[in-house]
Amino acid sequence: MAIMGVPGRWLRNKKDGTIYNYNHILCKNPGVEEVSEEIAFPEKHIPEAQVGREPKVDLSTAEEVVEKAKPKAKKGTGQTVSAKGGRKR
């Protein structure tokens, strides 16, 4: 049988932060505290317009900027690698 809670009231475990429905039996436990819905579920109460920061890098997608930012290909490292393996007979 599920324990039904009181709508709009929430309990939070002080040790691990688990949220429970408000219950008169659970609220007697010293390890839990009553919290508001804003604290229990912050994702539901995000402000409509949040202030953003100015970007520190150029975010434009103009062709000349993109071409300028591409790394230049290196022709080689100057080292040769031999793919031959094994012993000579």
Protein backbone atom coordinates (compact mmCIF):
# COMPACT_ATOMS: atom_id res chain seq x y z
CA MET A 1 0.00 0.00 0.00
CA ALA A 2 1.43 3.35 -1.05
CA ILE A 3 1.71 6.17 1.46
CA MET A 4 -0.12 9.20 0.10
CA GLY A 5 1.29 12.64 0.85
CA VAL A 6 -0.08 16.12 1.27
CA PRO A 7 -0.11 18.04 -2.06
CA GLY A 8 2.37 20.93 -2.15
CA ARG A 9 4.44 19.79 0.86
CA TRP A 10 7.69 17.89 0.53
CA LEU A 11 10.28 16.31 2.82
CA ARG A 12 14.00 16.05 2.07
CA ASN A 13 16.41 13.62 3.64
CA LYS A 14 19.22 15.67 5.26
CA LYS A 15 21.84 13.00 4.60
CA ASP A 16 21.39 12.18 0.91
CA GLY A 17 18.86 14.77 -0.37
CA THR A 18 16.13 12.31 -1.36
CA ILE A 19 12.71 13.98 -1.77
CA TYR A 20 9.61 12.36 -0.28
CA ASN A 21 5.91 13.25 -0.24
CA TYR A 22 4.92 14.93 3.01
CA ASN A 23 3.75 12.38 5.56
CA HIS A 24 3.01 12.91 9.25
CA ILE A 25 4.96 9.75 10.11
CA LEU A 26 8.04 10.73 8.10
CA CYS A 27 8.07 14.32 9.38
CA LYS A 28 8.69 13.02 12.93
CA ASN A 29 12.03 11.62 11.77
CA PRO A 30 14.87 14.01 12.76
CA GLY A 31 16.75 13.03 9.59
CA VAL A 32 14.28 14.78 7.28
CA GLU A 33 13.28 18.43 6.85
CA GLU A 34 10.31 20.06 5.16
CA VAL A 35 11.19 21.95 1.98
CA SER A 36 9.24 24.06 -0.49
CA GLU A 37 8.39 22.86 -3.98
CA GLU A 38 10.93 25.33 -5.45
CA ILE A 39 13.72 23.65 -3.48
CA ALA A 40 12.44 20.12 -4.06
CA PHE A 41 12.04 20.56 -7.84
CA PRO A 42 14.20 23.46 -9.10
CA GLU A 43 13.88 22.34 -12.74
CA LYS A 44 10.17 23.29 -12.66
CA HIS A 45 10.94 26.84 -11.48
CA ILE A 46 13.49 28.13 -13.98
CA PRO A 47 13.26 31.90 -14.59
CA GLU A 48 11.76 32.88 -17.94
CA ALA A 49 14.67 35.01 -19.10
CA GLN A 50 18.14 34.25 -17.82
CA VAL A 51 20.98 36.68 -18.32
CA GLY A 52 23.70 35.24 -20.54
CA ARG A 53 27.37 36.09 -20.88
CA GLU A 54 29.17 37.51 -23.88
CA PRO A 55 31.12 34.82 -25.77
CA LYS A 56 34.91 35.02 -25.55
CA VAL A 57 35.40 33.49 -29.01
CA ASP A 58 34.14 34.40 -32.46
CA LEU A 59 30.94 32.41 -33.06
CA SER A 60 30.24 33.73 -36.56
CA THR A 61 29.87 31.24 -39.41
CA ALA A 62 31.08 33.41 -42.29
CA GLU A 63 33.07 31.40 -44.87
CA GLU A 64 36.24 33.49 -44.59
CA VAL A 65 36.28 33.14 -40.80
CA VAL A 66 35.78 29.37 -41.01
CA GLU A 67 38.53 28.96 -43.62
CA LYS A 68 40.88 31.12 -41.57
CA ALA A 69 40.28 29.00 -38.45
CA LYS A 70 40.96 25.63 -40.13
CA PRO A 71 44.32 24.12 -39.15
CA LYS A 72 46.90 23.93 -41.92
CA ALA A 73 47.77 20.42 -43.02
CA LYS A 74 51.32 19.33 -42.30
CA LYS A 75 53.17 17.54 -45.07
CA GLY A 76 55.01 15.19 -42.77
CA THR A 77 56.99 14.88 -39.59
CA GLY A 78 60.30 14.06 -41.26
CA GLN A 79 60.37 10.57 -39.78
CA THR A 80 60.03 7.44 -41.85
CA VAL A 81 58.20 4.41 -40.63
CA SER A 82 58.94 0.97 -41.98
CA ALA A 83 55.97 -1.36 -42.21
CA LYS A 84 58.15 -4.38 -42.86
CA GLY A 85 58.32 -6.76 -39.98
CA GLY A 86 59.75 -10.13 -39.13
CA ARG A 87 63.18 -11.63 -39.62
CA LYS A 88 65.16 -11.68 -42.84
CA ARG A 89 65.96 -15.14 -44.19
